[in-house]
């Protein structure tokens, strides 16, 4: 599979809408490996933190600031993602963090409307030269709580955020309400392996998982090298991101899966 750069049309869409969907970012074998490894990864399960939504339901996530010799890191370092991020953000990027979202059947809670830069602004990042790539590990549908975005809302700039009961941080509800009156709400239904590149100021949320199927996703977050935070925070300051060949994803994934299987026999 070849992974061409984003086209002029895709770059224009990102500038206009705040996001662009790339189908088959991971192929079927890569996606299957990622799903099997993530489901069997005790570190993912033990390291997960729970976030309560406004209705009291919990969604779990595992966040990592470091890169290792594992499949997650091979994906983060992949040129098929990093090169496109550098197109979108206009220059060198580095790994800000990555996280696995674990939205389980029937119990996975909602995420309130927010901007990622609404959080990251407080980490000392002066500019919103930041973006994420959400990779669907399971199929994402309306029923299992797929990502929702407000098309073009990144052009509003950073919106003030407030902490809700339960601990989630939400964009100013009044501004969100007015944004929804003027801009389109889009449900980002995605096939396994698809990748959604979205701007740090794009307003997004998700409903609880009301289906019988899980919705796991890997989110790789990047910051522009020229946007090095002015203070030390829990996410890293700039460091050079070494790109690994795309072939490393399967190579490391197959090795990890074989090691996991051997450990259980």
C-alpha atoms as a PDB file:
ATOM      1  CA  UNK A   1       0.000   0.000   0.000  1.00  0.00           C
ATOM      2  CA  UNK A   2       1.298   3.435  -0.911  1.00  0.00           C
ATOM      3  CA  UNK A   3       0.678   6.448   1.261  1.00  0.00           C
ATOM      4  CA  UNK A   4       0.699   9.601  -0.867  1.00  0.00           C
ATOM      5  CA  UNK A   5       0.828  13.064   0.659  1.00  0.00           C
ATOM      6  CA  UNK A   6      -2.392  14.923   1.230  1.00  0.00           C
ATOM      7  CA  UNK A   7      -3.758  16.503  -1.922  1.00  0.00           C
ATOM      8  CA  UNK A   8      -4.426  20.206  -2.424  1.00  0.00           C
ATOM      9  CA  UNK A   9      -8.121  19.415  -1.999  1.00  0.00           C
ATOM     10  CA  UNK A  10      -7.527  17.640   1.323  1.00  0.00           C
ATOM     11  CA  UNK A  11      -5.346  20.479   2.598  1.00  0.00           C
ATOM     12  CA  UNK A  12      -8.036  22.965   1.604  1.00  0.00           C
ATOM     13  CA  UNK A  13     -10.644  20.866   3.394  1.00  0.00           C
ATOM     14  CA  UNK A  14      -8.565  20.877   6.587  1.00  0.00           C
ATOM     15  CA  UNK A  15      -8.215  24.651   6.410  1.00  0.00           C
ATOM     16  CA  UNK A  16     -11.951  25.086   5.780  1.00  0.00           C
ATOM     17  CA  UNK A  17     -13.480  22.340   7.955  1.00  0.00           C
ATOM     18  CA  UNK A  18     -10.785  21.656  10.574  1.00  0.00           C
ATOM     19  CA  UNK A  19     -10.479  17.965   9.749  1.00  0.00           C
ATOM     20  CA  UNK A  20      -9.821  15.497   6.963  1.00  0.00           C
ATOM     21  CA  UNK A  21     -10.583  11.764   6.874  1.00  0.00           C
ATOM     22  CA  UNK A  22      -8.073   9.328   5.368  1.00  0.00           C
ATOM     23  CA  UNK A  23      -9.520   5.894   4.664  1.00  0.00           C
ATOM     24  CA  UNK A  24      -7.320   2.797   5.134  1.00  0.00           C
ATOM     25  CA  UNK A  25      -4.633   4.680   7.032  1.00  0.00           C
ATOM     26  CA  UNK A  26      -3.830   1.288   8.525  1.00  0.00           C
ATOM     27  CA  UNK A  27      -4.461  -1.776   6.407  1.00  0.00           C
ATOM     28  CA  UNK A  28      -6.507  -4.739   7.643  1.00  0.00           C
ATOM     29  CA  UNK A  29      -3.540  -6.714   8.980  1.00  0.00           C
ATOM     30  CA  UNK A  30      -2.172  -3.688  10.843  1.00  0.00           C
ATOM     31  CA  UNK A  31      -5.593  -2.856  12.286  1.00  0.00           C
ATOM     32  CA  UNK A  32      -6.219  -6.452  13.368  1.00  0.00           C
ATOM     33  CA  UNK A  33      -2.801  -6.589  15.042  1.00  0.00           C
ATOM     34  CA  UNK A  34      -3.418  -3.291  16.824  1.00  0.00           C
ATOM     35  CA  UNK A  35      -6.796  -4.485  18.092  1.00  0.00           C
ATOM     36  CA  UNK A  36      -5.453  -7.828  19.349  1.00  0.00           C
ATOM     37  CA  UNK A  37      -2.439  -6.236  21.031  1.00  0.00           C
ATOM     38  CA  UNK A  38      -4.471  -3.463  22.660  1.00  0.00           C
ATOM     39  CA  UNK A  39      -7.110  -5.877  23.993  1.00  0.00           C
ATOM     40  CA  UNK A  40      -4.403  -8.160  25.428  1.00  0.00           C
ATOM     41  CA  UNK A  41      -2.198  -5.335  26.750  1.00  0.00           C
ATOM     42  CA  UNK A  42      -2.303  -5.427  30.549  1.00  0.00           C
ATOM     43  CA  UNK A  43      -0.562  -2.058  30.641  1.00  0.00           C
ATOM     44  CA  UNK A  44      -3.486  -0.506  28.775  1.00  0.00           C
ATOM     45  CA  UNK A  45      -5.955  -1.973  31.250  1.00  0.00           C
ATOM     46  CA  UNK A  46      -3.989  -1.202  34.419  1.00  0.00           C
ATOM     47  CA  UNK A  47      -2.946   2.266  33.290  1.00  0.00           C
ATOM     48  CA  UNK A  48      -6.425   3.393  32.253  1.00  0.00           C
ATOM     49  CA  UNK A  49      -8.019   6.324  34.031  1.00  0.00           C
ATOM     50  CA  UNK A  50     -11.787   6.836  34.160  1.00  0.00           C
ATOM     51  CA  UNK A  51     -13.546  10.083  33.296  1.00  0.00           C
ATOM     52  CA  UNK A  52     -17.163  10.593  34.356  1.00  0.00           C
ATOM     53  CA  UNK A  53     -19.628  12.335  32.069  1.00  0.00           C
ATOM     54  CA  UNK A  54     -22.554  14.547  33.103  1.00  0.00           C
ATOM     55  CA  UNK A  55     -24.810  11.489  33.516  1.00  0.00           C
ATOM     56  CA  UNK A  56     -22.363   9.612  35.702  1.00  0.00           C
ATOM     57  CA  UNK A  57     -21.133   7.147  33.052  1.00  0.00           C
ATOM     58  CA  UNK A  58     -17.414   6.456  32.749  1.00  0.00           C
ATOM     59  CA  UNK A  59     -15.101   6.342  29.766  1.00  0.00           C
ATOM     60  CA  UNK A  60     -11.580   5.021  30.231  1.00  0.00           C
ATOM     61  CA  UNK A  61      -8.401   6.121  28.511  1.00  0.00           C
ATOM     62  CA  UNK A  62      -4.725   5.286  28.737  1.00  0.00           C
ATOM     63  CA  UNK A  63      -2.322   8.124  27.922  1.00  0.00           C
ATOM     64  CA  UNK A  64       1.412   7.886  27.268  1.00  0.00           C
ATOM     65  CA  UNK A  65       3.893  10.717  26.846  1.00  0.00           C
ATOM     66  CA  UNK A  66       6.807   8.406  26.020  1.00  0.00           C
ATOM     67  CA  UNK A  67       7.613   6.348  22.934  1.00  0.00           C
ATOM     68  CA  UNK A  68       8.875   2.784  23.167  1.00  0.00           C
ATOM     69  CA  UNK A  69       9.737  -0.151  20.937  1.00  0.00           C
ATOM     70  CA  UNK A  70       6.083  -1.099  20.545  1.00  0.00           C
ATOM     71  CA  UNK A  71       3.369  -1.007  17.914  1.00  0.00           C
ATOM     72  CA  UNK A  72       1.735   2.152  19.257  1.00  0.00           C
ATOM     73  CA  UNK A  73       5.025   4.029  18.931  1.00  0.00           C
ATOM     74  CA  UNK A  74       5.652   2.604  15.454  1.00  0.00           C
ATOM     75  CA  UNK A  75       2.321   4.083  14.402  1.00  0.00           C
ATOM     76  CA  UNK A  76       3.097   7.442  16.052  1.00  0.00           C
ATOM     77  CA  UNK A  77       6.440   7.543  14.196  1.00  0.00           C
ATOM     78  CA  UNK A  78       5.018   6.406  10.846  1.00  0.00           C
ATOM     79  CA  UNK A  79       5.677   8.758   7.910  1.00  0.00           C
ATOM     80  CA  UNK A  80       2.121   8.112   6.696  1.00  0.00           C
ATOM     81  CA  UNK A  81       0.970  10.119   9.745  1.00  0.00           C
ATOM     82  CA  UNK A  82       3.930  12.375  10.554  1.00  0.00           C
ATOM     83  CA  UNK A  83       4.502  13.584   6.983  1.00  0.00           C
ATOM     84  CA  UNK A  84       0.835  14.486   6.656  1.00  0.00           C
ATOM     85  CA  UNK A  85       0.875  16.253  10.020  1.00  0.00           C
ATOM     86  CA  UNK A  86       3.835  18.293   8.815  1.00  0.00           C
ATOM     87  CA  UNK A  87       1.845  19.245   5.722  1.00  0.00           C
ATOM     88  CA  UNK A  88      -1.105  20.328   7.859  1.00  0.00           C
ATOM     89  CA  UNK A  89       0.907  22.233  10.468  1.00  0.00           C
ATOM     90  CA  UNK A  90       3.408  23.762   8.075  1.00  0.00           C
ATOM     91  CA  UNK A  91       6.704  22.278   9.270  1.00  0.00           C
ATOM     92  CA  UNK A  92       8.400  19.875  11.643  1.00  0.00           C
ATOM     93  CA  UNK A  93       6.237  18.278  14.337  1.00  0.00           C
ATOM     94  CA  UNK A  94       6.996  16.246  17.429  1.00  0.00           C
ATOM     95  CA  UNK A  95       5.089  13.698  19.492  1.00  0.00           C
ATOM     96  CA  UNK A  96       3.023  15.439  22.164  1.00  0.00           C
ATOM     97  CA  UNK A  97       1.403  12.255  23.488  1.00  0.00           C
ATOM     98  CA  UNK A  98      -0.775   9.360  22.387  1.00  0.00           C
ATOM     99  CA  UNK A  99      -3.739   7.699  24.031  1.00  0.00           C
ATOM    100  CA  UNK A 100      -6.012   4.716  23.661  1.00  0.00           C
ATOM    101  CA  UNK A 101      -9.682   5.510  24.210  1.00  0.00           C
ATOM    102  CA  UNK A 102     -11.591   2.564  25.654  1.00  0.00           C
ATOM    103  CA  UNK A 103     -15.307   3.096  25.113  1.00  0.00           C
ATOM    104  CA  UNK A 104     -16.879  -0.169  26.234  1.00  0.00           C
ATOM    105  CA  UNK A 105     -20.316  -1.511  25.184  1.00  0.00           C
ATOM    106  CA  UNK A 106     -23.298  -0.042  27.054  1.00  0.00           C
ATOM    107  CA  UNK A 107     -21.131   1.610  29.720  1.00  0.00           C
ATOM    108  CA  UNK A 108     -18.670   3.825  27.842  1.00  0.00           C
ATOM    109  CA  UNK A 109     -19.598   7.387  28.772  1.00  0.00           C
ATOM    110  CA  UNK A 110     -19.876  10.553  26.719  1.00  0.00           C
ATOM    111  CA  UNK A 111     -17.257  13.235  26.167  1.00  0.00           C
ATOM    112  CA  UNK A 112     -18.485  16.804  26.413  1.00  0.00           C
ATOM    113  CA  UNK A 113     -17.845  19.443  23.746  1.00  0.00           C
ATOM    114  CA  UNK A 114     -14.250  20.639  23.943  1.00  0.00           C
ATOM    115  CA  UNK A 115     -11.182  21.721  21.990  1.00  0.00           C
ATOM    116  CA  UNK A 116      -7.893  19.949  22.594  1.00  0.00           C
ATOM    117  CA  UNK A 117      -6.133  23.311  22.544  1.00  0.00           C
ATOM    118  CA  UNK A 118      -8.584  24.352  25.238  1.00  0.00           C
ATOM    119  CA  UNK A 119      -6.507  22.066  27.479  1.00  0.00           C
ATOM    120  CA  UNK A 120      -3.121  22.451  25.834  1.00  0.00           C
ATOM    121  CA  UNK A 121      -3.188  26.251  25.968  1.00  0.00           C
ATOM    122  CA  UNK A 122      -2.678  25.934  29.725  1.00  0.00           C
ATOM    123  CA  UNK A 123       0.387  23.748  29.173  1.00  0.00           C
ATOM    124  CA  UNK A 124       2.392  26.678  27.828  1.00  0.00           C
ATOM    125  CA  UNK A 125       1.707  26.244  24.099  1.00  0.00           C
ATOM    126  CA  UNK A 126       1.470  29.785  22.719  1.00  0.00           C
ATOM    127  CA  UNK A 127      -0.058  28.904  19.359  1.00  0.00           C
ATOM    128  CA  UNK A 128      -2.675  26.344  18.236  1.00  0.00           C
ATOM    129  CA  UNK A 129      -0.185  24.735  15.862  1.00  0.00           C
ATOM    130  CA  UNK A 130      -1.352  21.358  17.126  1.00  0.00           C
ATOM    131  CA  UNK A 131      -3.387  18.500  15.697  1.00  0.00           C
ATOM    132  CA  UNK A 132      -4.336  14.898  16.325  1.00  0.00           C
ATOM    133  CA  UNK A 133      -4.911  11.793  14.266  1.00  0.00           C
ATOM    134  CA  UNK A 134      -7.686   9.540  15.576  1.00  0.00           C
ATOM    135  CA  UNK A 135      -7.396   5.980  14.253  1.00  0.00           C
ATOM    136  CA  UNK A 136     -10.488   3.786  14.494  1.00  0.00           C
ATOM    137  CA  UNK A 137      -9.475   0.457  16.031  1.00  0.00           C
ATOM    138  CA  UNK A 138     -13.083  -0.752  16.115  1.00  0.00           C
ATOM    139  CA  UNK A 139     -15.739   0.429  13.688  1.00  0.00           C
ATOM    140  CA  UNK A 140     -17.039   3.819  14.866  1.00  0.00           C
ATOM    141  CA  UNK A 141     -20.779   4.462  14.446  1.00  0.00           C
ATOM    142  CA  UNK A 142     -23.441   6.746  15.874  1.00  0.00           C
ATOM    143  CA  UNK A 143     -24.647   3.826  17.990  1.00  0.00           C
ATOM    144  CA  UNK A 144     -21.308   3.203  19.723  1.00  0.00           C
ATOM    145  CA  UNK A 145     -20.478   6.862  20.270  1.00  0.00           C
ATOM    146  CA  UNK A 146     -18.381   7.968  17.287  1.00  0.00           C
ATOM    147  CA  UNK A 147     -16.643  11.331  17.304  1.00  0.00           C
ATOM    148  CA  UNK A 148     -18.826  14.343  16.527  1.00  0.00           C
ATOM    149  CA  UNK A 149     -17.357  17.603  15.246  1.00  0.00           C
ATOM    150  CA  UNK A 150     -18.658  21.073  14.454  1.00  0.00           C
ATOM    151  CA  UNK A 151     -17.457  21.667  10.928  1.00  0.00           C
ATOM    152  CA  UNK A 152     -15.321  24.819  10.685  1.00  0.00           C
ATOM    153  CA  UNK A 153     -15.395  25.563  14.417  1.00  0.00           C
ATOM    154  CA  UNK A 154     -11.589  25.707  14.590  1.00  0.00           C
ATOM    155  CA  UNK A 155     -11.881  29.102  12.904  1.00  0.00           C
ATOM    156  CA  UNK A 156     -13.541  30.469  16.067  1.00  0.00           C
ATOM    157  CA  UNK A 157     -10.180  30.330  17.834  1.00  0.00           C
ATOM    158  CA  UNK A 158      -9.754  29.092  21.378  1.00  0.00           C
ATOM    159  CA  UNK A 159     -12.959  29.024  23.437  1.00  0.00           C
ATOM    160  CA  UNK A 160     -12.963  29.326  27.234  1.00  0.00           C
ATOM    161  CA  UNK A 161     -13.459  25.992  29.011  1.00  0.00           C
ATOM    162  CA  UNK A 162     -15.116  25.177  32.324  1.00  0.00           C
ATOM    163  CA  UNK A 163     -14.869  22.146  34.595  1.00  0.00           C
ATOM    164  CA  UNK A 164     -18.117  20.221  34.954  1.00  0.00           C
ATOM    165  CA  UNK A 165     -19.372  18.118  37.813  1.00  0.00           C
ATOM    166  CA  UNK A 166     -17.640  14.778  37.419  1.00  0.00           C
ATOM    167  CA  UNK A 167     -14.359  16.317  36.293  1.00  0.00           C
ATOM    168  CA  UNK A 168     -14.680  16.668  32.529  1.00  0.00           C
ATOM    169  CA  UNK A 169     -13.727  19.999  30.983  1.00  0.00           C
ATOM    170  CA  UNK A 170     -16.225  21.505  28.545  1.00  0.00           C
ATOM    171  CA  UNK A 171     -16.105  24.383  26.105  1.00  0.00           C
ATOM    172  CA  UNK A 172     -18.300  27.335  27.078  1.00  0.00           C
ATOM    173  CA  UNK A 173     -21.836  25.887  26.604  1.00  0.00           C
ATOM    174  CA  UNK A 174     -23.268  29.190  25.362  1.00  0.00           C
ATOM    175  CA  UNK A 175     -20.669  29.474  22.602  1.00  0.00           C
ATOM    176  CA  UNK A 176     -21.154  25.834  21.632  1.00  0.00           C
ATOM    177  CA  UNK A 177     -24.913  26.368  21.388  1.00  0.00           C
ATOM    178  CA  UNK A 178     -24.442  29.372  19.108  1.00  0.00           C
ATOM    179  CA  UNK A 179     -21.838  27.540  17.026  1.00  0.00           C
ATOM    180  CA  UNK A 180     -24.313  24.709  16.441  1.00  0.00           C
ATOM    181  CA  UNK A 181     -26.874  27.244  15.207  1.00  0.00           C
ATOM    182  CA  UNK A 182     -24.488  28.437  12.494  1.00  0.00           C
ATOM    183  CA  UNK A 183     -22.296  25.445  11.669  1.00  0.00           C
ATOM    184  CA  UNK A 184     -22.874  21.825  10.729  1.00  0.00           C
ATOM    185  CA  UNK A 185     -22.734  18.979  13.231  1.00  0.00           C
ATOM    186  CA  UNK A 186     -20.924  16.011  11.650  1.00  0.00           C
ATOM    187  CA  UNK A 187     -20.891  12.424  12.932  1.00  0.00           C
ATOM    188  CA  UNK A 188     -17.520  10.913  12.005  1.00  0.00           C
ATOM    189  CA  UNK A 189     -18.436   7.295  11.359  1.00  0.00           C
ATOM    190  CA  UNK A 190     -15.252   5.413  10.512  1.00  0.00           C
ATOM    191  CA  UNK A 191     -14.225   1.972   9.337  1.00  0.00           C
ATOM    192  CA  UNK A 192     -11.469   0.186  11.280  1.00  0.00           C
ATOM    193  CA  UNK A 193      -8.094   1.532  10.183  1.00  0.00           C
ATOM    194  CA  UNK A 194      -9.392   4.903   9.001  1.00  0.00           C
ATOM    195  CA  UNK A 195      -7.675   8.013  10.353  1.00  0.00           C
ATOM    196  CA  UNK A 196      -9.211  11.398  11.130  1.00  0.00           C
ATOM    197  CA  UNK A 197      -6.735  14.304  11.187  1.00  0.00           C
ATOM    198  CA  UNK A 198      -8.223  17.214  13.124  1.00  0.00           C
ATOM    199  CA  UNK A 199      -7.141  20.667  14.278  1.00  0.00           C
ATOM    200  CA  UNK A 200      -6.462  21.407  17.942  1.00  0.00           C
ATOM    201  CA  UNK A 201      -9.203  24.066  17.977  1.00  0.00           C
ATOM    202  CA  UNK A 202     -11.912  21.907  16.377  1.00  0.00           C
ATOM    203  CA  UNK A 203     -14.887  21.503  18.726  1.00  0.00           C
ATOM    204  CA  UNK A 204     -15.651  17.816  19.186  1.00  0.00           C
ATOM    205  CA  UNK A 205     -17.456  15.413  21.508  1.00  0.00           C
ATOM    206  CA  UNK A 206     -18.925  11.897  21.580  1.00  0.00           C
ATOM    207  CA  UNK A 207     -22.051  10.247  22.958  1.00  0.00           C
ATOM    208  CA  UNK A 208     -22.005   7.303  25.322  1.00  0.00           C
ATOM    209  CA  UNK A 209     -21.718   3.864  23.765  1.00  0.00           C
ATOM    210  CA  UNK A 210     -25.311   2.580  23.680  1.00  0.00           C
ATOM    211  CA  UNK A 211     -24.454  -0.433  21.497  1.00  0.00           C
ATOM    212  CA  UNK A 212     -23.270  -3.976  22.157  1.00  0.00           C
ATOM    213  CA  UNK A 213     -19.931  -3.239  20.466  1.00  0.00           C
ATOM    214  CA  UNK A 214     -16.835  -1.542  21.825  1.00  0.00           C
ATOM    215  CA  UNK A 215     -15.343   1.600  20.282  1.00  0.00           C
ATOM    216  CA  UNK A 216     -11.613   1.712  20.853  1.00  0.00           C
ATOM    217  CA  UNK A 217      -9.467   4.298  19.123  1.00  0.00           C
ATOM    218  CA  UNK A 218      -5.813   5.304  19.122  1.00  0.00           C
ATOM    219  CA  UNK A 219      -5.245   9.056  19.109  1.00  0.00           C
ATOM    220  CA  UNK A 220      -1.786  10.354  18.144  1.00  0.00           C
ATOM    221  CA  UNK A 221      -1.245  13.992  19.134  1.00  0.00           C
ATOM    222  CA  UNK A 222       1.406  16.296  17.682  1.00  0.00           C
ATOM    223  CA  UNK A 223       2.743  19.783  18.295  1.00  0.00           C
ATOM    224  CA  UNK A 224       4.700  21.934  15.853  1.00  0.00           C
ATOM    225  CA  UNK A 225       8.402  22.073  16.702  1.00  0.00           C
ATOM    226  CA  UNK A 226       8.234  25.874  16.472  1.00  0.00           C
ATOM    227  CA  UNK A 227       5.511  25.847  19.157  1.00  0.00           C
ATOM    228  CA  UNK A 228       7.704  24.437  21.939  1.00  0.00           C
ATOM    229  CA  UNK A 229       5.872  25.093  25.246  1.00  0.00           C
ATOM    230  CA  UNK A 230       7.373  27.924  27.276  1.00  0.00           C
ATOM    231  CA  UNK A 231       7.066  25.946  30.506  1.00  0.00           C
ATOM    232  CA  UNK A 232       7.532  22.371  31.623  1.00  0.00           C
ATOM    233  CA  UNK A 233       4.255  20.534  31.982  1.00  0.00           C
ATOM    234  CA  UNK A 234       3.062  16.926  32.112  1.00  0.00           C
ATOM    235  CA  UNK A 235       3.204  16.652  28.298  1.00  0.00           C
ATOM    236  CA  UNK A 236       6.674  16.883  26.766  1.00  0.00           C
ATOM    237  CA  UNK A 237       8.560  19.824  25.401  1.00  0.00           C
ATOM    238  CA  UNK A 238      10.067  19.571  21.955  1.00  0.00           C
ATOM    239  CA  UNK A 239      12.317  16.660  21.111  1.00  0.00           C
ATOM    240  CA  UNK A 240      13.239  15.405  17.664  1.00  0.00           C
ATOM    241  CA  UNK A 241      10.801  12.770  16.396  1.00  0.00           C
ATOM    242  CA  UNK A 242      12.573  10.012  14.504  1.00  0.00           C
ATOM    243  CA  UNK A 243      10.393   8.616  11.750  1.00  0.00           C
ATOM    244  CA  UNK A 244      10.373   4.850  11.362  1.00  0.00           C
ATOM    245  CA  UNK A 245       9.650   3.062   8.074  1.00  0.00           C
ATOM    246  CA  UNK A 246       5.999   2.119   7.655  1.00  0.00           C
ATOM    247  CA  UNK A 247       7.070  -1.534   7.563  1.00  0.00           C
ATOM    248  CA  UNK A 248       7.937  -1.266  11.274  1.00  0.00           C
ATOM    249  CA  UNK A 249       4.237  -1.267  12.184  1.00  0.00           C
ATOM    250  CA  UNK A 250       3.726  -4.868  11.085  1.00  0.00           C
ATOM    251  CA  UNK A 251       7.231  -5.959  12.032  1.00  0.00           C
ATOM    252  CA  UNK A 252       6.892  -4.793  15.634  1.00  0.00           C
ATOM    253  CA  UNK A 253       3.211  -5.721  15.845  1.00  0.00           C
ATOM    254  CA  UNK A 254       3.842  -9.306  14.753  1.00  0.00           C
ATOM    255  CA  UNK A 255       6.710  -9.614  17.233  1.00  0.00           C
ATOM    256  CA  UNK A 256       4.644  -8.183  20.089  1.00  0.00           C
ATOM    257  CA  UNK A 257       1.682 -10.439  19.355  1.00  0.00           C
ATOM    258  CA  UNK A 258       3.913 -13.521  19.199  1.00  0.00           C
ATOM    259  CA  UNK A 259       5.455 -12.567  22.557  1.00  0.00           C
ATOM    260  CA  UNK A 260       2.004 -12.092  24.094  1.00  0.00           C
ATOM    261  CA  UNK A 261       0.849 -15.475  22.851  1.00  0.00           C
ATOM    262  CA  UNK A 262       4.017 -17.170  24.113  1.00  0.00           C
ATOM    263  CA  UNK A 263       3.541 -15.622  27.542  1.00  0.00           C
ATOM    264  CA  UNK A 264       0.108 -17.222  27.883  1.00  0.00           C
ATOM    265  CA  UNK A 265       1.165 -20.764  26.965  1.00  0.00           C
END
